[in-house]
């Protein structure tokens, strides 16, 4: 059981360190995306 306990502890520590930014999080980045999406088609840049 020692190996299993150590593995689970390692997984929990790694998960706690992760800081992935999800696209639906609130903030300035989301507001900028919404403003870009809602901009008129004539003012959008096309690449």
PDB file of N, CA and C in Angstrom:
ATOM      1  N   UNK A   1       0.812  -1.214   0.000  1.00  0.00           N
ATOM      2  CA  UNK A   1       0.000   0.000   0.000  1.00  0.00           C
ATOM      3  C   UNK A   1       0.847   1.267   0.000  1.00  0.00           C
ATOM      4  N   UNK A   2       2.091   1.161   0.375  1.00  0.00           N
ATOM      5  CA  UNK A   2       2.946   2.337   0.459  1.00  0.00           C
ATOM      6  C   UNK A   2       3.068   3.031  -0.901  1.00  0.00           C
ATOM      7  N   UNK A   3       3.258   2.273  -1.973  1.00  0.00           N
ATOM      8  CA  UNK A   3       3.418   2.865  -3.303  1.00  0.00           C
ATOM      9  C   UNK A   3       2.142   3.584  -3.715  1.00  0.00           C
ATOM     10  N   UNK A   4       0.991   2.980  -3.460  1.00  0.00           N
ATOM     11  CA  UNK A   4      -0.283   3.592  -3.833  1.00  0.00           C
ATOM     12  C   UNK A   4      -0.486   4.908  -3.081  1.00  0.00           C
ATOM     13  N   UNK A   5      -0.169   4.932  -1.803  1.00  0.00           N
ATOM     14  CA  UNK A   5      -0.316   6.142  -1.003  1.00  0.00           C
ATOM     15  C   UNK A   5       0.599   7.247  -1.529  1.00  0.00           C
ATOM     16  N   UNK A   6       1.827   6.887  -1.864  1.00  0.00           N
ATOM     17  CA  UNK A   6       2.778   7.870  -2.384  1.00  0.00           C
ATOM     18  C   UNK A   6       2.315   8.405  -3.742  1.00  0.00           C
ATOM     19  N   UNK A   7       1.765   7.535  -4.581  1.00  0.00           N
ATOM     20  CA  UNK A   7       1.261   7.945  -5.884  1.00  0.00           C
ATOM     21  C   UNK A   7       0.103   8.926  -5.737  1.00  0.00           C
ATOM     22  N   UNK A   8      -0.840   8.602  -4.867  1.00  0.00           N
ATOM     23  CA  UNK A   8      -1.998   9.476  -4.657  1.00  0.00           C
ATOM     24  C   UNK A   8      -1.545  10.824  -4.107  1.00  0.00           C
ATOM     25  N   UNK A   9      -0.588  10.813  -3.187  1.00  0.00           N
ATOM     26  CA  UNK A   9      -0.067  12.062  -2.631  1.00  0.00           C
ATOM     27  C   UNK A   9       0.580  12.904  -3.735  1.00  0.00           C
ATOM     28  N   UNK A  10       1.317  12.257  -4.626  1.00  0.00           N
ATOM     29  CA  UNK A  10       1.957  12.955  -5.738  1.00  0.00           C
ATOM     30  C   UNK A  10       0.922  13.569  -6.679  1.00  0.00           C
ATOM     31  N   UNK A  11      -0.132  12.816  -6.982  1.00  0.00           N
ATOM     32  CA  UNK A  11      -1.192  13.312  -7.869  1.00  0.00           C
ATOM     33  C   UNK A  11      -1.891  14.515  -7.249  1.00  0.00           C
ATOM     34  N   UNK A  12      -2.183  14.451  -5.969  1.00  0.00           N
ATOM     35  CA  UNK A  12      -2.861  15.556  -5.284  1.00  0.00           C
ATOM     36  C   UNK A  12      -1.973  16.805  -5.269  1.00  0.00           C
ATOM     37  N   UNK A  13      -0.678  16.636  -5.021  1.00  0.00           N
ATOM     38  CA  UNK A  13       0.241  17.782  -5.013  1.00  0.00           C
ATOM     39  C   UNK A  13       0.340  18.424  -6.397  1.00  0.00           C
ATOM     40  N   UNK A  14       0.413  17.609  -7.435  1.00  0.00           N
ATOM     41  CA  UNK A  14       0.505  18.124  -8.792  1.00  0.00           C
ATOM     42  C   UNK A  14      -0.767  18.870  -9.181  1.00  0.00           C
ATOM     43  N   UNK A  15      -1.910  18.318  -8.815  1.00  0.00           N
ATOM     44  CA  UNK A  15      -3.184  18.974  -9.120  1.00  0.00           C
ATOM     45  C   UNK A  15      -3.293  20.315  -8.404  1.00  0.00           C
ATOM     46  N   UNK A  16      -2.774  20.402  -7.211  1.00  0.00           N
ATOM     47  CA  UNK A  16      -2.833  21.661  -6.454  1.00  0.00           C
ATOM     48  C   UNK A  16      -1.941  22.728  -7.089  1.00  0.00           C
ATOM     49  N   UNK A  17      -0.865  22.324  -7.750  1.00  0.00           N
ATOM     50  CA  UNK A  17       0.055  23.278  -8.372  1.00  0.00           C
ATOM     51  C   UNK A  17      -0.460  23.818  -9.701  1.00  0.00           C
ATOM     52  N   UNK A  18      -1.325  23.093 -10.366  1.00  0.00           N
ATOM     53  CA  UNK A  18      -1.833  23.504 -11.674  1.00  0.00           C
ATOM     54  C   UNK A  18      -2.648  24.778 -11.573  1.00  0.00           C
ATOM     55  N   UNK A  19      -2.447  25.660 -12.525  1.00  0.00           N
ATOM     56  CA  UNK A  19      -3.185  26.921 -12.550  1.00  0.00           C
ATOM     57  C   UNK A  19      -3.576  27.214 -13.998  1.00  0.00           C
ATOM     58  N   UNK A  20      -4.404  26.361 -14.539  1.00  0.00           N
ATOM     59  CA  UNK A  20      -4.839  26.498 -15.918  1.00  0.00           C
ATOM     60  C   UNK A  20      -5.930  27.555 -16.009  1.00  0.00           C
ATOM     61  N   UNK A  21      -5.779  28.460 -16.952  1.00  0.00           N
ATOM     62  CA  UNK A  21      -6.776  29.516 -17.152  1.00  0.00           C
ATOM     63  C   UNK A  21      -7.818  28.992 -18.142  1.00  0.00           C
ATOM     64  N   UNK A  22      -9.034  28.943 -17.705  1.00  0.00           N
ATOM     65  CA  UNK A  22     -10.109  28.478 -18.576  1.00  0.00           C
ATOM     66  C   UNK A  22     -10.735  29.664 -19.309  1.00  0.00           C
ATOM     67  N   UNK A  23     -11.206  29.462 -20.531  1.00  0.00           N
ATOM     68  CA  UNK A  23     -11.734  30.579 -21.324  1.00  0.00           C
ATOM     69  C   UNK A  23     -12.974  31.230 -20.732  1.00  0.00           C
ATOM     70  N   UNK A  24     -13.679  30.534 -19.876  1.00  0.00           N
ATOM     71  CA  UNK A  24     -14.906  31.109 -19.326  1.00  0.00           C
ATOM     72  C   UNK A  24     -14.665  31.848 -18.018  1.00  0.00           C
ATOM     73  N   UNK A  25     -13.415  31.994 -17.597  1.00  0.00           N
ATOM     74  CA  UNK A  25     -13.138  32.740 -16.374  1.00  0.00           C
ATOM     75  C   UNK A  25     -13.423  34.218 -16.591  1.00  0.00           C
ATOM     76  N   UNK A  26     -13.795  34.895 -15.551  1.00  0.00           N
ATOM     77  CA  UNK A  26     -14.134  36.318 -15.631  1.00  0.00           C
ATOM     78  C   UNK A  26     -12.869  37.154 -15.612  1.00  0.00           C
ATOM     79  N   UNK A  27     -12.904  38.311 -16.211  1.00  0.00           N
ATOM     80  CA  UNK A  27     -11.763  39.213 -16.151  1.00  0.00           C
ATOM     81  C   UNK A  27     -11.590  40.018 -17.413  1.00  0.00           C
ATOM     82  N   UNK A  28     -10.492  40.755 -17.449  1.00  0.00           N
ATOM     83  CA  UNK A  28     -10.209  41.655 -18.569  1.00  0.00           C
ATOM     84  C   UNK A  28     -10.035  40.885 -19.867  1.00  0.00           C
ATOM     85  N   UNK A  29      -9.417  39.732 -19.794  1.00  0.00           N
ATOM     86  CA  UNK A  29      -9.207  38.944 -21.010  1.00  0.00           C
ATOM     87  C   UNK A  29     -10.540  38.536 -21.628  1.00  0.00           C
ATOM     88  N   UNK A  30     -11.481  38.137 -20.787  1.00  0.00           N
ATOM     89  CA  UNK A  30     -12.805  37.734 -21.266  1.00  0.00           C
ATOM     90  C   UNK A  30     -13.543  38.936 -21.855  1.00  0.00           C
ATOM     91  N   UNK A  31     -13.455  40.079 -21.182  1.00  0.00           N
ATOM     92  CA  UNK A  31     -14.125  41.291 -21.665  1.00  0.00           C
ATOM     93  C   UNK A  31     -13.573  41.708 -23.035  1.00  0.00           C
ATOM     94  N   UNK A  32     -12.264  41.582 -23.215  1.00  0.00           N
ATOM     95  CA  UNK A  32     -11.667  41.935 -24.497  1.00  0.00           C
ATOM     96  C   UNK A  32     -12.151  40.990 -25.596  1.00  0.00           C
ATOM     97  N   UNK A  33     -12.265  39.721 -25.276  1.00  0.00           N
ATOM     98  CA  UNK A  33     -12.739  38.749 -26.260  1.00  0.00           C
ATOM     99  C   UNK A  33     -14.180  39.040 -26.661  1.00  0.00           C
ATOM    100  N   UNK A  34     -15.022  39.361 -25.690  1.00  0.00           N
ATOM    101  CA  UNK A  34     -16.427  39.659 -25.974  1.00  0.00           C
ATOM    102  C   UNK A  34     -16.538  40.930 -26.815  1.00  0.00           C
ATOM    103  N   UNK A  35     -15.742  41.952 -26.495  1.00  0.00           N
ATOM    104  CA  UNK A  35     -15.766  43.198 -27.262  1.00  0.00           C
ATOM    105  C   UNK A  35     -15.336  42.938 -28.704  1.00  0.00           C
ATOM    106  N   UNK A  36     -14.315  42.107 -28.877  1.00  0.00           N
ATOM    107  CA  UNK A  36     -13.854  41.765 -30.223  1.00  0.00           C
ATOM    108  C   UNK A  36     -14.930  41.002 -30.995  1.00  0.00           C
ATOM    109  N   UNK A  37     -15.590  40.101 -30.318  1.00  0.00           N
ATOM    110  CA  UNK A  37     -16.639  39.295 -30.947  1.00  0.00           C
ATOM    111  C   UNK A  37     -17.830  40.149 -31.348  1.00  0.00           C
ATOM    112  N   UNK A  38     -18.158  41.147 -30.540  1.00  0.00           N
ATOM    113  CA  UNK A  38     -19.326  41.988 -30.786  1.00  0.00           C
ATOM    114  C   UNK A  38     -19.035  43.171 -31.705  1.00  0.00           C
ATOM    115  N   UNK A  39     -17.768  43.365 -32.091  1.00  0.00           N
ATOM    116  CA  UNK A  39     -17.401  44.492 -32.959  1.00  0.00           C
ATOM    117  C   UNK A  39     -18.037  44.285 -34.334  1.00  0.00           C
ATOM    118  N   UNK A  40     -18.405  45.377 -34.992  1.00  0.00           N
ATOM    119  CA  UNK A  40     -18.964  45.274 -36.346  1.00  0.00           C
ATOM    120  C   UNK A  40     -17.951  44.612 -37.299  1.00  0.00           C
ATOM    121  N   UNK A  41     -18.445  43.901 -38.279  1.00  0.00           N
ATOM    122  CA  UNK A  41     -17.594  43.153 -39.214  1.00  0.00           C
ATOM    123  C   UNK A  41     -16.658  44.074 -39.980  1.00  0.00           C
ATOM    124  N   UNK A  42     -17.053  45.301 -40.245  1.00  0.00           N
ATOM    125  CA  UNK A  42     -16.233  46.235 -41.025  1.00  0.00           C
ATOM    126  C   UNK A  42     -14.974  46.656 -40.267  1.00  0.00           C
ATOM    127  N   UNK A  43     -15.020  46.668 -38.940  1.00  0.00           N
ATOM    128  CA  UNK A  43     -13.866  47.125 -38.170  1.00  0.00           C
ATOM    129  C   UNK A  43     -12.955  45.982 -37.768  1.00  0.00           C
ATOM    130  N   UNK A  44     -13.346  44.750 -38.000  1.00  0.00           N
ATOM    131  CA  UNK A  44     -12.511  43.610 -37.616  1.00  0.00           C
ATOM    132  C   UNK A  44     -11.361  43.433 -38.588  1.00  0.00           C
ATOM    133  N   UNK A  45     -10.232  42.999 -38.052  1.00  0.00           N
ATOM    134  CA  UNK A  45      -9.092  42.672 -38.899  1.00  0.00           C
ATOM    135  C   UNK A  45      -9.214  41.210 -39.308  1.00  0.00           C
ATOM    136  N   UNK A  46      -8.941  40.935 -40.533  1.00  0.00           N
ATOM    137  CA  UNK A  46      -8.929  39.557 -40.983  1.00  0.00           C
ATOM    138  C   UNK A  46      -7.511  39.182 -41.359  1.00  0.00           C
ATOM    139  N   UNK A  47      -7.084  38.054 -40.887  1.00  0.00           N
ATOM    140  CA  UNK A  47      -5.701  37.636 -41.129  1.00  0.00           C
ATOM    141  C   UNK A  47      -5.595  36.735 -42.314  1.00  0.00           C
TER     142      UNK A  47
END
